[in-house]
C-alpha cells in the first residue's frame, strides 16, 4: 500500500512563522546619567566653552602691618566641545510593509532607537577611555605589558588618587566605576566586596550596579573598553579598562531643541519627486552631540586582564 507522506507532497509543505519576535541582547547603557549637562542656545553655534576658576593656595605668610600683600592673579581653565550630528536610517519598500509577516516599520523604529542610545553611550565611553591618567595591573608600566587581573589594591589606589586630588565623590561618599563583566568576576572574589542588594539603602542603587568595594560603586556593562590582544604574554592578552570617576568628570553638552535623539519616520508618499511612485518608507534618527573631559584628575582608568 502506498503511503502518502509530508516529505513526498511538497505542495503541503509550509513554514510557520512565530510572530512573537526574539528579544535583542543589548548592553547596559549607563554613562550619560553621570555627565554634566550644559545647553547651547539655539542659533548660537555648535561649540561650547566651559570654564573653571582655579583655586588659590592657602595664604600662610603673615601680613606686614600697614602693607598690602602683592595679591593673586586669577587663573582660569577652559574646556571646549564641538557638537557634531550623528544619525542613521533604513529604507523599507511599500511591498515589504504591506506583505511582510512582521510589523517591519515598528520593529525597525525600535532598533534605531536602540542604535541611537548605543551611539551616545559609545561616544562617551571612547572619550573617557582616552585619558592619560592610568593605573596598570601587576608590574606593568604600559598596556602591552599587562598580564595581571584587577585587584582590590588597584581599586584602593584609584580611589586614593581621586581623593588626593580633592575630586568630589559622585554620591557624596563613593566614586563610580564602569566595569566589564569579565573583570567583575575578579572583583567579586575580594573579601571586602559588598553586593548591591546588601547596601543599607538598596533602593538607591544605579541601574546595572552590582556592588561596592573600597569606596567605589561598580556598574557592569559590556560597553566597558576592551583592547583585544593589546596586552603582554603569548598569545597577547586582552586588556580591559575599568573607568573610575568622580563628580563633574565629564560633560555632554546639547543644543537647545535637540536635547534627545529624534526618531524620524517618513511614510511612503512623503518623499516627493525622490519617491514618485510612493514606494519608500524610511525610518531613522539623528542627534547633535558631544562629550568632553572636564577634569583630567577626576577620571582614572585601571587596565588589567581578566581571569580565565
Protein backbone atom coordinates (compact mmCIF):
# COMPACT_ATOMS: atom_id res chain seq x y z
CA UNK A 1 0.00 0.00 0.00
CA UNK A 2 1.34 3.39 -0.96
CA UNK A 3 1.68 5.78 1.95
CA UNK A 4 1.41 9.49 1.36
CA UNK A 5 3.95 11.46 3.40
CA UNK A 6 4.58 15.12 4.00
CA UNK A 7 8.04 14.73 2.55
CA UNK A 8 6.62 13.46 -0.72
CA UNK A 9 3.78 16.00 -1.02
CA UNK A 10 5.77 19.19 -1.45
CA UNK A 11 2.59 21.21 -2.12
CA UNK A 12 1.57 20.55 1.51
CA UNK A 13 4.86 21.73 2.94
CA UNK A 14 4.93 25.13 4.62
CA UNK A 15 6.82 27.04 7.27
CA UNK A 16 5.08 28.51 10.30
CA UNK A 17 6.48 31.89 11.31
CA UNK A 18 6.17 32.67 15.01
CA UNK A 19 5.12 36.33 15.18
CA UNK A 20 6.46 36.67 18.71
CA UNK A 21 9.88 38.02 17.76
CA UNK A 22 13.01 37.18 19.72
CA UNK A 23 14.37 39.87 22.01
CA UNK A 24 17.64 41.58 21.18
CA UNK A 25 20.57 41.18 23.57
CA UNK A 26 21.70 44.73 24.34
CA UNK A 27 24.50 46.15 26.51
CA UNK A 28 23.68 48.11 29.65
CA UNK A 29 23.93 51.80 28.66
CA UNK A 30 24.90 53.64 31.83
CA UNK A 31 27.23 56.55 31.19
CA UNK A 32 25.14 59.58 30.28
CA UNK A 33 23.40 59.79 33.65
CA UNK A 34 26.73 60.79 35.26
CA UNK A 35 27.61 63.65 32.90
CA UNK A 36 27.33 67.37 33.48
CA UNK A 37 24.73 68.70 31.04
CA UNK A 38 25.06 72.18 29.55
CA UNK A 39 22.81 73.63 26.87
CA UNK A 40 23.89 75.76 23.91
CA UNK A 41 21.09 78.18 22.98
CA UNK A 42 19.59 77.71 19.54
CA UNK A 43 21.37 79.67 16.79
CA UNK A 44 24.44 80.21 18.98
CA UNK A 45 26.90 77.97 17.15
CA UNK A 46 27.85 74.38 17.83
CA UNK A 47 30.88 74.95 20.09
CA UNK A 48 30.61 75.43 23.85
CA UNK A 49 33.24 76.94 26.13
CA UNK A 50 33.17 75.63 29.73
CA UNK A 51 35.39 77.32 32.33
CA UNK A 52 36.71 76.74 35.82
CA UNK A 53 38.20 79.40 38.10
CA UNK A 54 41.12 77.59 39.68
CA UNK A 55 41.57 77.53 43.45
CA UNK A 56 44.12 79.63 45.31
CA UNK A 57 46.63 78.01 47.68
CA UNK A 58 46.43 78.70 51.40
CA UNK A 59 47.80 82.15 52.33
CA UNK A 60 50.12 81.13 55.19
CA UNK A 61 52.53 84.12 55.11
CA UNK A 62 51.68 86.70 57.81
CA UNK A 63 50.75 90.16 56.56
CA UNK A 64 53.12 93.05 57.15
CA UNK A 65 51.45 95.71 59.22
CA UNK A 66 50.25 98.60 57.08
CA UNK A 67 51.47 96.99 53.84
CA UNK A 68 49.07 95.19 51.45
CA UNK A 69 50.36 91.92 50.01
CA UNK A 70 51.23 91.53 46.32
CA UNK A 71 47.85 89.98 45.52
CA UNK A 72 47.00 86.95 43.48
CA UNK A 73 46.40 86.60 39.72
CA UNK A 74 43.25 84.88 38.51
CA UNK A 75 43.74 81.52 36.79
CA UNK A 76 41.04 80.01 34.59
CA UNK A 77 40.96 76.57 32.93
CA UNK A 78 38.92 76.37 29.73
CA UNK A 79 37.37 73.34 28.05
CA UNK A 80 35.69 73.40 24.65
CA UNK A 81 33.46 70.89 22.93
CA UNK A 82 32.15 70.99 19.38
CA UNK A 83 28.84 69.24 18.83
CA UNK A 84 28.50 67.10 15.72
CA UNK A 85 25.48 65.45 14.16
CA UNK A 86 25.08 61.69 14.26
CA UNK A 87 22.36 59.51 12.78
CA UNK A 88 21.32 56.63 10.54
CA UNK A 89 18.26 55.37 8.67
CA UNK A 90 16.68 52.37 6.95
CA UNK A 91 14.57 52.36 3.79
CA UNK A 92 11.61 49.94 3.61
CA UNK A 93 9.66 49.25 0.44
CA UNK A 94 5.89 49.63 0.40
CA UNK A 95 5.61 45.98 -0.68
CA UNK A 96 7.56 44.76 2.36
CA UNK A 97 5.44 46.95 4.63
CA UNK A 98 2.21 45.63 3.06
CA UNK A 99 3.05 41.96 2.60
CA UNK A 100 5.69 41.19 5.20
CA UNK A 101 4.57 38.92 8.02
CA UNK A 102 6.21 41.06 10.74
CA UNK A 103 5.50 44.68 11.78
CA UNK A 104 8.62 45.81 9.97
CA UNK A 105 8.29 49.58 10.45
CA UNK A 106 7.56 49.21 14.16
CA UNK A 107 10.49 46.89 14.77
CA UNK A 108 12.94 48.98 12.75
CA UNK A 109 11.87 52.06 14.71
CA UNK A 110 12.74 50.22 17.92
CA UNK A 111 16.06 49.05 16.51
CA UNK A 112 17.02 52.58 15.52
CA UNK A 113 16.04 53.87 18.97
CA UNK A 114 18.40 51.31 20.46
CA UNK A 115 21.11 52.29 17.96
CA UNK A 116 20.81 55.95 18.94
CA UNK A 117 21.25 55.13 22.64
CA UNK A 118 24.19 52.82 21.89
CA UNK A 119 25.84 55.51 19.76
CA UNK A 120 25.66 58.08 22.57
CA UNK A 121 26.99 55.63 25.15
CA UNK A 122 29.85 54.64 22.84
CA UNK A 123 30.80 58.26 22.17
CA UNK A 124 31.03 58.90 25.91
CA UNK A 125 32.90 55.64 26.57
CA UNK A 126 35.54 56.44 23.95
CA UNK A 127 36.18 59.88 25.46
CA UNK A 128 36.51 58.51 28.98
CA UNK A 129 38.84 55.71 27.84
CA UNK A 130 41.22 58.06 26.05
CA UNK A 131 42.80 59.83 29.05
CA UNK A 132 46.36 59.60 30.32
CA UNK A 133 45.51 59.02 33.99
CA UNK A 134 46.13 55.25 34.03
CA UNK A 135 46.93 52.57 36.62
CA UNK A 136 48.27 49.28 35.20
CA UNK A 137 47.82 45.94 36.91
CA UNK A 138 50.71 43.88 38.23
CA UNK A 139 54.15 45.26 37.46
CA UNK A 140 53.20 46.66 34.04
CA UNK A 141 54.07 50.21 33.10
CA UNK A 142 52.37 50.15 29.69
CA UNK A 143 49.36 48.45 28.12
CA UNK A 144 51.47 45.99 26.11
CA UNK A 145 52.92 44.65 29.39
CA UNK A 146 49.61 43.99 31.16
CA UNK A 147 49.15 40.33 32.15
CA UNK A 148 47.58 40.50 35.64
CA UNK A 149 43.89 40.73 36.61
CA UNK A 150 42.40 43.56 38.62
CA UNK A 151 42.64 43.52 42.42
CA UNK A 152 41.24 45.33 45.42
CA UNK A 153 44.61 47.04 45.83
CA UNK A 154 44.23 48.67 42.41
CA UNK A 155 40.75 49.89 43.35
CA UNK A 156 42.14 51.40 46.55
CA UNK A 157 44.89 53.05 44.56
CA UNK A 158 42.39 54.57 42.11
CA UNK A 159 40.23 55.86 44.96
CA UNK A 160 43.28 57.30 46.72
CA UNK A 161 44.29 59.10 43.55
CA UNK A 162 40.85 60.69 43.16
CA UNK A 163 40.55 61.61 46.83
CA UNK A 164 44.07 63.09 46.91
CA UNK A 165 43.09 65.36 44.01
CA UNK A 166 40.03 66.56 46.03
CA UNK A 167 37.65 65.07 43.45
CA UNK A 168 34.13 65.00 44.96
CA UNK A 169 32.50 61.54 45.07
CA UNK A 170 29.51 61.06 42.77
CA UNK A 171 27.00 60.45 45.57
CA UNK A 172 28.80 62.32 48.35
CA UNK A 173 30.51 59.16 49.62
CA UNK A 174 31.52 56.88 46.76
CA UNK A 175 33.16 57.14 43.37
CA UNK A 176 31.73 55.21 40.41
CA UNK A 177 33.43 52.66 38.16
CA UNK A 178 32.31 51.30 34.80
CA UNK A 179 33.46 47.69 34.63
CA UNK A 180 33.25 44.77 32.20
CA UNK A 181 31.58 41.51 33.34
CA UNK A 182 34.85 39.63 32.85
CA UNK A 183 36.54 41.96 35.34
CA UNK A 184 33.66 41.82 37.83
CA UNK A 185 34.42 38.12 38.28
CA UNK A 186 37.79 39.01 39.81
CA UNK A 187 36.44 41.83 41.97
CA UNK A 188 33.72 39.65 43.47
CA UNK A 189 36.42 37.37 44.87
CA UNK A 190 37.69 40.17 47.12
CA UNK A 191 36.67 39.62 50.76
CA UNK A 192 35.62 43.30 51.05
CA UNK A 193 33.21 43.14 48.09
CA UNK A 194 29.67 44.18 49.10
CA UNK A 195 26.76 43.12 46.92
CA UNK A 196 24.40 45.95 45.96
CA UNK A 197 21.39 44.18 47.46
CA UNK A 198 23.12 44.29 50.85
CA UNK A 199 23.50 48.08 50.91
CA UNK A 200 21.94 49.95 53.82
CA UNK A 201 19.71 51.71 51.24
CA UNK A 202 19.42 49.22 48.33
CA UNK A 203 16.62 51.29 46.77
CA UNK A 204 19.19 53.90 45.73
CA UNK A 205 21.35 51.64 43.56
CA UNK A 206 22.11 52.67 39.98
CA UNK A 207 20.84 50.60 37.06
CA UNK A 208 23.45 47.94 36.37
CA UNK A 209 25.15 48.38 39.76
CA UNK A 210 26.50 45.14 41.18
CA UNK A 211 28.35 46.12 44.30
CA UNK A 212 30.80 48.34 46.14
CA UNK A 213 34.46 47.93 47.00
CA UNK A 214 36.75 50.33 48.90
CA UNK A 215 34.54 53.38 48.34
CA UNK A 216 33.83 52.69 44.66
CA UNK A 217 30.43 51.63 43.27
CA UNK A 218 30.74 49.27 40.31
CA UNK A 219 28.35 49.35 37.35
CA UNK A 220 28.60 46.40 34.97
CA UNK A 221 28.36 46.83 31.21
CA UNK A 222 29.86 45.19 28.15
CA UNK A 223 30.41 48.75 26.92
CA UNK A 224 33.46 49.00 29.19
CA UNK A 225 36.53 49.30 26.93
CA UNK A 226 38.45 46.24 25.73
CA UNK A 227 41.72 46.31 23.80
CA UNK A 228 41.83 42.87 22.22
CA UNK A 229 45.29 41.30 22.07
CA UNK A 230 46.96 44.51 23.29
CA UNK A 231 48.48 43.13 26.49
CA UNK A 232 51.54 41.08 27.29
CA UNK A 233 52.10 37.34 27.20
CA UNK A 234 51.89 34.76 24.42
CA UNK A 235 49.38 34.99 22.93
CA UNK A 236 48.93 38.65 23.81
CA UNK A 237 46.26 39.13 26.48
CA UNK A 238 43.09 41.14 26.08
CA UNK A 239 43.24 44.30 28.19
CA UNK A 240 40.12 45.57 29.98
CA UNK A 241 39.62 49.16 31.03
CA UNK A 242 37.82 49.90 34.29
CA UNK A 243 36.97 53.61 34.38
CA UNK A 244 36.71 55.17 37.85
CA UNK A 245 35.47 58.75 38.13
CA UNK A 246 34.04 61.39 40.43
CA UNK A 247 31.56 64.23 40.17
CA UNK A 248 31.68 66.51 37.09
CA UNK A 249 34.38 64.40 35.47
CA UNK A 250 32.87 64.82 32.01
CA UNK A 251 30.14 66.74 30.22
CA UNK A 252 27.68 66.09 27.41
CA UNK A 253 26.53 69.50 26.12
CA UNK A 254 23.46 69.73 23.90
CA UNK A 255 21.90 72.33 21.64
CA UNK A 256 18.55 73.71 22.75
CA UNK A 257 15.75 71.91 20.97
CA UNK A 258 17.95 68.91 20.13
CA UNK A 259 18.36 67.50 23.61
CA UNK A 260 17.40 63.93 22.72
CA UNK A 261 17.85 61.70 19.67
CA UNK A 262 14.96 62.35 17.34
CA UNK A 263 13.43 59.27 15.68
CA UNK A 264 12.11 60.19 12.23
CA UNK A 265 9.59 58.09 10.29
CA UNK A 266 8.61 59.12 6.74
CA UNK A 267 5.78 57.04 5.25
CA UNK A 268 5.66 56.16 1.55
CA UNK A 269 4.39 59.14 -0.41
CA UNK A 270 6.12 61.79 1.65
CA UNK A 271 9.30 61.90 -0.43
CA UNK A 272 8.00 63.98 -3.33
CA UNK A 273 9.91 63.56 -6.59
CA UNK A 274 12.50 61.35 -4.87
CA UNK A 275 9.73 58.77 -4.38
CA UNK A 276 7.49 59.35 -7.43
CA UNK A 277 5.50 56.11 -7.04
CA UNK A 278 5.10 56.18 -3.24
CA UNK A 279 7.28 53.10 -2.84
CA UNK A 280 9.61 54.02 0.01
CA UNK A 281 9.17 54.30 3.75
CA UNK A 282 12.16 55.48 5.79
CA UNK A 283 12.91 55.15 9.47
CA UNK A 284 15.86 56.88 11.09
CA UNK A 285 17.20 59.13 13.84
CA UNK A 286 19.61 61.99 14.39
CA UNK A 287 21.12 63.96 17.27
CA UNK A 288 23.61 66.78 17.86
CA UNK A 289 26.05 65.53 20.45
CA UNK A 290 29.46 65.84 22.07
CA UNK A 291 31.33 64.59 25.12
CA UNK A 292 34.22 66.41 26.80
CA UNK A 293 36.51 65.58 29.72
CA UNK A 294 36.07 68.35 32.30
CA UNK A 295 38.69 67.37 34.85
CA UNK A 296 41.53 65.06 33.96
CA UNK A 297 42.28 64.34 37.61
CA UNK A 298 38.67 63.18 38.13
CA UNK A 299 38.97 60.13 35.83
CA UNK A 300 41.26 57.17 36.48
CA UNK A 301 41.47 54.15 34.18
CA UNK A 302 42.59 50.79 35.55
CA UNK A 303 43.94 48.48 32.84
CA UNK A 304 44.04 44.76 33.61
CA UNK A 305 43.39 41.34 32.19
CA UNK A 306 40.57 39.04 33.34
CA UNK A 307 40.91 35.63 34.93
CA UNK A 308 40.12 32.71 32.64
